[in-house]
């Protein structure tokens, strides 16, 4: 093929100008017709492929949306069933030992929110990968990059992941909730907010503690089940034990019938017996089962009542000054002092006799 034939096949030949230079050729109607024909041919050859890809993408999105709605509704029904079960046991003997309905409702809502978020993330993420695969995009580099990024984030944010997982399990297991008084080891106080990463506690002095869930190794919940109020009563070892027991029993019976102590006491006030016996004193142990978190209140009131009852029954407590009897003579304050020693004076016969003899001088 000659050079002229190649130039004719490539396009129109630039026309020379009077000055000897060439100008670009102007597209003709024939060239536009050929371009339109080629575009129409390309569309005609590939429209079926694009239509199939579009239908596949729509089908993936539709299935993902329907599956997401179905799973979210199933989770919502499961949470509602948990709430109905909690309402069924509320007010019974078993419900008294469990958490109240409002507490269980809040916990179930938190669990439902976490489950719905996880389900949505998994479904929509899988749908996005399938859409990219439908466009014949190679997912291997993307997945490899995501794996490397996940490992890097896992190492860098391992504390955050630990806090999050610990928070999820704390909520699932209902270890504590808002309003509970807990001892988390690093801090103690009343729970004012429970999050997936941080738990807020208000201490006894009003301070707010921000405790990371991953840092909590043990939790002592003082607001679940029941509490124990214990009071130690110290009396003299010579006191009549029957009189002490009868006085404490009278206080316990009277306190159990008065408001609001009859609601705070979940069991009878019992005298457990002697906790210790010494030469000059003995300790009587008194215990009672109370409402969760009310043990300190019951202990203070019980001490108050026992003290007044002991004063009325003339039962002295250890440490009180003994009463002076009228027929006893006043003790001499110098009676316990030792007599002065004879050796205290240098002129006494005892001191002279104890003085060592002067040795005679030795001469050569």
Protein backbone atom coordinates (compact mmCIF):
# COMPACT_ATOMS: atom_id res chain seq x y z
CA UNK A 1 0.00 0.00 0.00
CA UNK A 2 1.35 3.47 -0.96
CA UNK A 3 1.68 6.47 1.35
CA UNK A 4 -1.13 8.29 -0.40
CA UNK A 5 -3.48 5.40 0.15
CA UNK A 6 -2.66 5.36 3.87
CA UNK A 7 -3.29 9.10 4.15
CA UNK A 8 -6.59 8.81 2.28
CA UNK A 9 -7.69 5.99 4.58
CA UNK A 10 -6.71 7.97 7.68
CA UNK A 11 -8.74 11.04 6.67
CA UNK A 12 -9.04 13.99 4.35
CA UNK A 13 -5.80 15.49 3.09
CA UNK A 14 -5.01 18.98 4.38
CA UNK A 15 -5.32 21.56 1.58
CA UNK A 16 -2.31 23.75 0.79
CA UNK A 17 -2.55 27.50 1.18
CA UNK A 18 -1.08 30.12 -1.15
CA UNK A 19 1.70 30.75 1.32
CA UNK A 20 2.74 27.12 1.19
CA UNK A 21 1.41 26.08 4.64
CA UNK A 22 -1.28 23.50 5.25
CA UNK A 23 -4.48 23.91 7.27
CA UNK A 24 -6.34 21.17 9.18
CA UNK A 25 -9.07 19.49 7.25
CA UNK A 26 -12.63 20.41 8.19
CA UNK A 27 -14.85 17.41 9.13
CA UNK A 28 -17.35 16.68 6.47
CA UNK A 29 -20.87 15.29 6.66
CA UNK A 30 -19.50 11.95 5.59
CA UNK A 31 -17.15 11.82 8.58
CA UNK A 32 -19.96 12.68 11.03
CA UNK A 33 -22.16 10.02 9.46
CA UNK A 34 -19.42 7.44 9.89
CA UNK A 35 -18.90 8.37 13.59
CA UNK A 36 -22.62 8.16 14.29
CA UNK A 37 -22.76 4.81 12.54
CA UNK A 38 -19.89 3.47 14.64
CA UNK A 39 -21.52 4.70 17.90
CA UNK A 40 -24.83 3.15 16.95
CA UNK A 41 -23.09 -0.11 16.09
CA UNK A 42 -21.28 -0.12 19.46
CA UNK A 43 -24.52 0.55 21.35
CA UNK A 44 -26.30 -2.14 19.36
CA UNK A 45 -23.57 -4.65 20.16
CA UNK A 46 -23.30 -3.82 23.91
CA UNK A 47 -26.79 -2.76 25.00
CA UNK A 48 -27.69 -6.28 26.06
CA UNK A 49 -24.60 -6.48 28.28
CA UNK A 50 -25.34 -3.16 29.99
CA UNK A 51 -28.99 -4.09 30.43
CA UNK A 52 -28.02 -7.36 32.05
CA UNK A 53 -25.61 -5.58 34.39
CA UNK A 54 -28.24 -3.00 35.33
CA UNK A 55 -30.86 -5.67 36.01
CA UNK A 56 -28.35 -7.59 38.12
CA UNK A 57 -27.52 -4.49 40.17
CA UNK A 58 -31.21 -3.72 40.71
CA UNK A 59 -31.85 -7.33 41.75
CA UNK A 60 -28.96 -7.23 44.26
CA UNK A 61 -30.15 -3.95 45.76
CA UNK A 62 -33.74 -5.16 45.96
CA UNK A 63 -32.78 -8.42 47.68
CA UNK A 64 -30.51 -6.56 50.12
CA UNK A 65 -33.25 -4.05 50.98
CA UNK A 66 -35.87 -6.78 51.53
CA UNK A 67 -33.46 -8.90 53.58
CA UNK A 68 -32.52 -5.89 55.71
CA UNK A 69 -36.15 -5.05 56.44
CA UNK A 70 -37.00 -8.68 57.30
CA UNK A 71 -34.05 -9.11 59.67
CA UNK A 72 -34.67 -5.77 61.40
CA UNK A 73 -38.33 -6.68 61.95
CA UNK A 74 -37.34 -10.08 63.31
CA UNK A 75 -34.96 -8.41 65.78
CA UNK A 76 -37.69 -5.96 66.82
CA UNK A 77 -40.16 -8.80 67.44
CA UNK A 78 -37.55 -10.65 69.49
CA UNK A 79 -36.98 -7.56 71.66
CA UNK A 80 -40.74 -7.10 72.11
CA UNK A 81 -41.04 -10.73 73.23
CA UNK A 82 -38.29 -10.16 75.79
CA UNK A 83 -40.20 -7.14 77.13
CA UNK A 84 -43.43 -9.14 77.40
CA UNK A 85 -41.62 -11.86 79.33
CA UNK A 86 -40.25 -9.25 81.72
CA UNK A 87 -43.72 -7.80 82.25
CA UNK A 88 -45.13 -11.27 82.97
CA UNK A 89 -42.75 -11.90 85.89
CA UNK A 90 -42.92 -8.36 87.24
CA UNK A 91 -44.80 -8.19 90.53
CA UNK A 92 -44.21 -11.86 91.37
CA UNK A 93 -41.79 -13.35 93.86
CA UNK A 94 -39.36 -14.05 91.03
CA UNK A 95 -39.75 -10.57 89.64
CA UNK A 96 -38.77 -9.06 92.96
CA UNK A 97 -35.32 -10.61 92.65
CA UNK A 98 -34.95 -9.58 89.01
CA UNK A 99 -34.51 -6.19 87.46
CA UNK A 100 -37.65 -4.10 87.02
CA UNK A 101 -39.50 -3.76 83.72
CA UNK A 102 -38.10 -0.34 82.82
CA UNK A 103 -34.57 -1.56 83.39
CA UNK A 104 -35.09 -4.61 81.19
CA UNK A 105 -36.78 -2.46 78.54
CA UNK A 106 -33.77 -0.14 78.33
CA UNK A 107 -31.40 -3.08 78.12
CA UNK A 108 -33.44 -4.79 75.39
CA UNK A 109 -33.56 -1.57 73.36
CA UNK A 110 -29.79 -1.23 73.57
CA UNK A 111 -29.34 -4.85 72.48
CA UNK A 112 -31.80 -4.38 69.62
CA UNK A 113 -30.03 -1.25 68.42
CA UNK A 114 -26.66 -3.03 68.35
CA UNK A 115 -28.07 -6.07 66.53
CA UNK A 116 -29.87 -3.96 63.93
CA UNK A 117 -26.75 -1.91 63.24
CA UNK A 118 -24.62 -5.04 62.82
CA UNK A 119 -27.20 -6.65 60.51
CA UNK A 120 -27.45 -3.52 58.34
CA UNK A 121 -23.66 -3.23 58.07
CA UNK A 122 -23.21 -6.86 57.03
CA UNK A 123 -26.07 -6.87 54.49
CA UNK A 124 -25.25 -3.55 52.83
CA UNK A 125 -21.52 -4.28 52.79
CA UNK A 126 -22.09 -7.61 51.06
CA UNK A 127 -24.45 -5.96 48.57
CA UNK A 128 -21.84 -3.29 47.74
CA UNK A 129 -19.21 -5.94 47.01
CA UNK A 130 -21.64 -7.85 44.78
CA UNK A 131 -22.47 -4.67 42.84
CA UNK A 132 -18.78 -4.00 42.21
CA UNK A 133 -18.36 -7.60 41.09
CA UNK A 134 -21.27 -7.17 38.64
CA UNK A 135 -19.36 -4.36 36.93
CA UNK A 136 -16.45 -6.83 36.51
CA UNK A 137 -14.22 -4.86 38.85
CA UNK A 138 -11.39 -6.91 40.29
CA UNK A 139 -12.05 -7.11 44.03
CA UNK A 140 -8.79 -8.82 44.95
CA UNK A 141 -6.77 -5.57 45.41
CA UNK A 142 -9.69 -4.00 47.25
CA UNK A 143 -10.07 -6.93 49.63
CA UNK A 144 -6.32 -7.12 50.16
CA UNK A 145 -6.17 -3.41 50.97
CA UNK A 146 -9.14 -3.75 53.29
CA UNK A 147 -7.44 -6.66 55.05
CA UNK A 148 -4.22 -4.71 55.56
CA UNK A 149 -6.16 -1.66 56.75
CA UNK A 150 -8.18 -3.84 59.12
CA UNK A 151 -5.04 -5.32 60.65
CA UNK A 152 -3.50 -1.87 61.04
CA UNK A 153 -6.65 -0.47 62.64
CA UNK A 154 -6.90 -3.54 64.85
CA UNK A 155 -3.41 -2.99 66.23
CA UNK A 156 -3.83 0.75 66.58
CA UNK A 157 -7.31 0.70 68.07
CA UNK A 158 -7.18 -2.54 70.03
CA UNK A 159 -8.10 -0.71 73.24
CA UNK A 160 -11.14 0.80 71.52
CA UNK A 161 -12.21 -2.61 70.23
CA UNK A 162 -11.73 -4.11 73.70
CA UNK A 163 -13.83 -1.36 75.28
CA UNK A 164 -16.58 -1.82 72.69
CA UNK A 165 -16.76 -5.61 73.04
CA UNK A 166 -16.72 -5.35 76.85
CA UNK A 167 -19.55 -2.84 76.71
CA UNK A 168 -21.61 -5.11 74.47
CA UNK A 169 -21.22 -8.09 76.81
CA UNK A 170 -21.96 -5.94 79.88
CA UNK A 171 -25.25 -4.91 78.29
CA UNK A 172 -26.09 -8.43 77.10
CA UNK A 173 -25.39 -9.94 80.53
CA UNK A 174 -27.10 -7.07 82.37
CA UNK A 175 -24.21 -6.65 84.79
CA UNK A 176 -25.40 -3.18 85.83
CA UNK A 177 -27.64 -0.35 84.67
CA UNK A 178 -28.46 3.30 85.25
CA UNK A 179 -29.22 3.92 88.93
CA UNK A 180 -27.21 0.98 90.25
CA UNK A 181 -24.50 1.44 92.84
CA UNK A 182 -21.44 -0.54 91.79
CA UNK A 183 -17.82 -1.06 92.74
CA UNK A 184 -15.80 -1.35 89.52
CA UNK A 185 -12.43 -1.68 91.22
CA UNK A 186 -10.95 1.48 89.72
CA UNK A 187 -13.93 3.56 90.93
CA UNK A 188 -17.16 3.17 92.87
CA UNK A 189 -20.43 5.07 92.80
CA UNK A 190 -23.86 5.33 91.20
CA UNK A 191 -24.17 4.59 87.48
CA UNK A 192 -25.49 7.62 85.61
CA UNK A 193 -24.81 6.47 82.04
CA UNK A 194 -23.90 3.18 80.37
CA UNK A 195 -22.22 3.34 76.97
CA UNK A 196 -20.60 0.82 74.69
CA UNK A 197 -17.16 2.33 75.41
CA UNK A 198 -17.38 4.31 78.67
CA UNK A 199 -19.45 4.02 81.85
CA UNK A 200 -20.11 7.15 83.93
CA UNK A 201 -20.21 6.86 87.72
CA UNK A 202 -21.05 9.52 90.30
CA UNK A 203 -18.98 9.12 93.46
CA UNK A 204 -19.99 9.76 97.06
CA UNK A 205 -18.55 13.29 96.95
CA UNK A 206 -20.34 14.21 93.71
CA UNK A 207 -17.44 13.60 91.35
CA UNK A 208 -18.05 11.88 88.00
CA UNK A 209 -15.83 8.95 87.05
CA UNK A 210 -15.40 7.98 83.40
CA UNK A 211 -14.52 4.28 83.44
CA UNK A 212 -13.53 2.51 80.24
CA UNK A 213 -15.36 -0.78 79.90
CA UNK A 214 -12.21 -2.60 78.86
CA UNK A 215 -10.45 -1.58 82.09
CA UNK A 216 -13.08 -3.13 84.36
CA UNK A 217 -11.85 -6.50 85.61
CA UNK A 218 -14.49 -7.06 88.30
CA UNK A 219 -17.83 -5.47 89.17
CA UNK A 220 -19.62 -5.54 92.49
CA UNK A 221 -23.26 -4.54 92.03
CA UNK A 222 -24.80 -3.33 95.28
CA UNK A 223 -28.25 -2.77 93.76
CA UNK A 224 -29.21 -6.25 92.54
CA UNK A 225 -30.87 -9.00 94.54
CA UNK A 226 -30.68 -7.94 98.18
CA UNK A 227 -28.25 -6.41 100.69
CA UNK A 228 -27.24 -7.32 104.22
CA UNK A 229 -27.23 -4.84 107.09
CA UNK A 230 -24.85 -5.84 109.89
CA UNK A 231 -24.48 -4.11 113.27
CA UNK A 232 -21.99 -5.03 116.00
CA UNK A 233 -23.13 -4.22 119.55
CA UNK A 234 -20.29 -4.10 122.10
CA UNK A 235 -21.21 -4.57 125.78
CA UNK A 236 -19.36 -5.49 128.95
CA UNK A 237 -18.38 -9.09 129.47
CA UNK A 238 -20.33 -9.18 132.74
CA UNK A 239 -23.61 -8.13 131.09
CA UNK A 240 -26.66 -10.41 131.13
CA UNK A 241 -26.90 -11.91 127.64
CA UNK A 242 -30.61 -12.73 127.95
CA UNK A 243 -31.36 -9.10 128.79
CA UNK A 244 -29.28 -7.91 125.84
CA UNK A 245 -31.05 -10.30 123.44
CA UNK A 246 -34.54 -9.38 124.68
CA UNK A 247 -33.77 -5.66 124.32
CA UNK A 248 -32.52 -6.07 120.75
CA UNK A 249 -35.49 -8.30 119.85
CA UNK A 250 -37.89 -5.62 121.10
CA UNK A 251 -36.15 -3.01 118.97
CA UNK A 252 -36.27 -5.31 115.91
CA UNK A 253 -39.97 -6.10 116.33
CA UNK A 254 -40.91 -2.45 116.72
CA UNK A 255 -38.77 -1.35 113.76
CA UNK A 256 -40.20 -4.06 111.47
CA UNK A 257 -43.72 -2.71 111.94
CA UNK A 258 -43.02 0.97 111.29
CA UNK A 259 -42.95 2.84 108.00
CA UNK A 260 -40.83 2.96 105.86
CA UNK A 261 -38.63 0.33 107.49
CA UNK A 262 -41.12 -2.48 106.92
CA UNK A 263 -40.60 -1.98 103.16
CA UNK A 264 -36.83 -1.68 103.35
CA UNK A 265 -36.51 -4.83 105.47
CA UNK A 266 -36.82 -7.98 103.37
CA UNK A 267 -36.28 -10.29 106.34
CA UNK A 268 -36.45 -10.32 110.13
CA UNK A 269 -33.75 -8.65 112.19
CA UNK A 270 -31.85 -11.50 113.81
CA UNK A 271 -29.39 -11.69 116.69
CA UNK A 272 -26.74 -14.03 115.30
CA UNK A 273 -24.93 -14.41 118.63
CA UNK A 274 -21.56 -13.48 120.04
CA UNK A 275 -19.05 -12.44 117.42
CA UNK A 276 -16.15 -12.17 119.89
CA UNK A 277 -15.55 -12.44 123.64
CA UNK A 278 -12.73 -10.59 125.44
CA UNK A 279 -11.77 -10.09 129.08
CA UNK A 280 -13.56 -6.74 129.37
CA UNK A 281 -16.07 -6.80 126.50
CA UNK A 282 -18.07 -8.93 124.12
CA UNK A 283 -19.56 -8.21 120.67
CA UNK A 284 -23.11 -9.21 119.73
CA UNK A 285 -23.76 -9.51 115.99
CA UNK A 286 -27.12 -8.28 114.60
CA UNK A 287 -28.03 -8.84 110.92
CA UNK A 288 -30.96 -8.21 108.57
CA UNK A 289 -31.71 -8.66 104.85
CA UNK A 290 -32.67 -5.36 103.21
CA UNK A 291 -33.66 -3.86 99.90
CA UNK A 292 -30.71 -3.50 97.47
CA UNK A 293 -28.66 -0.41 98.22
CA UNK A 294 -30.44 0.35 101.52
CA UNK A 295 -28.19 -1.52 103.93
CA UNK A 296 -26.37 1.59 105.18
CA UNK A 297 -29.66 3.37 105.87
CA UNK A 298 -30.99 0.43 107.86
CA UNK A 299 -27.72 0.07 109.79
CA UNK A 300 -27.74 3.73 110.89
CA UNK A 301 -31.35 3.53 112.06
CA UNK A 302 -30.75 0.23 113.84
CA UNK A 303 -27.75 1.61 115.73
CA UNK A 304 -29.79 4.65 116.74
CA UNK A 305 -32.64 2.55 118.12
CA UNK A 306 -30.37 0.03 119.90
CA UNK A 307 -28.47 2.84 121.61
CA UNK A 308 -31.67 4.44 122.93
CA UNK A 309 -33.03 1.07 124.02
CA UNK A 310 -29.82 0.24 125.89
CA UNK A 311 -29.91 3.58 127.67
CA UNK A 312 -33.50 2.93 128.72
CA UNK A 313 -32.65 -0.62 129.89
CA UNK A 314 -29.54 0.62 131.78
CA UNK A 315 -27.18 -1.49 129.71
CA UNK A 316 -23.89 0.42 129.61
CA UNK A 317 -21.72 0.33 126.56
CA UNK A 318 -18.02 -0.34 126.75
CA UNK A 319 -15.93 2.73 127.43
CA UNK A 320 -18.41 4.64 129.64
CA UNK A 321 -16.96 5.94 132.94
CA UNK A 322 -18.17 3.86 135.91
CA UNK A 323 -20.49 5.47 138.44
CA UNK A 324 -18.84 6.50 141.78
CA UNK A 325 -20.39 4.87 144.88
CA UNK A 326 -21.22 7.07 147.87
CA UNK A 327 -19.68 4.82 150.52
CA UNK A 328 -16.32 4.53 148.79
CA UNK A 329 -13.47 6.79 149.93
CA UNK A 330 -11.84 9.00 147.40
CA UNK A 331 -8.70 7.32 146.14
CA UNK A 332 -5.37 8.92 147.09
CA UNK A 333 -3.69 10.10 143.88
CA UNK A 334 -0.23 9.39 145.42
CA UNK A 335 -1.09 5.87 146.54
CA UNK A 336 0.27 4.35 143.41
CA UNK A 337 3.59 6.17 143.62
CA UNK A 338 6.69 4.28 144.80
CA UNK A 339 8.64 5.44 147.94
CA UNK A 340 11.82 7.43 147.29
CA UNK A 341 14.97 5.35 147.18
CA UNK A 342 17.61 5.65 149.96
CA UNK A 343 20.26 5.80 147.33
CA UNK A 344 18.86 9.06 145.97
CA UNK A 345 20.73 11.02 148.73
CA UNK A 346 24.55 10.98 148.67
CA UNK A 347 24.76 11.46 152.50
CA UNK A 348 22.58 8.51 153.44
CA UNK A 349 24.25 5.49 155.14
CA UNK A 350 23.26 3.29 152.21
CA UNK A 351 24.94 5.60 149.69
CA UNK A 352 28.11 5.89 151.88
CA UNK A 353 28.29 2.13 152.28
CA UNK A 354 27.92 1.66 148.55
CA UNK A 355 30.69 4.12 147.72
CA UNK A 356 33.74 2.24 146.39
CA UNK A 357 36.94 2.45 148.47
CA UNK A 358 39.82 4.49 147.17
CA UNK A 359 42.71 2.19 146.25
CA UNK A 360 46.03 2.84 148.11
CA UNK A 361 48.81 4.48 146.11
CA UNK A 362 51.53 2.12 144.97
CA UNK A 363 55.12 3.35 145.28
CA UNK A 364 58.27 1.75 143.95
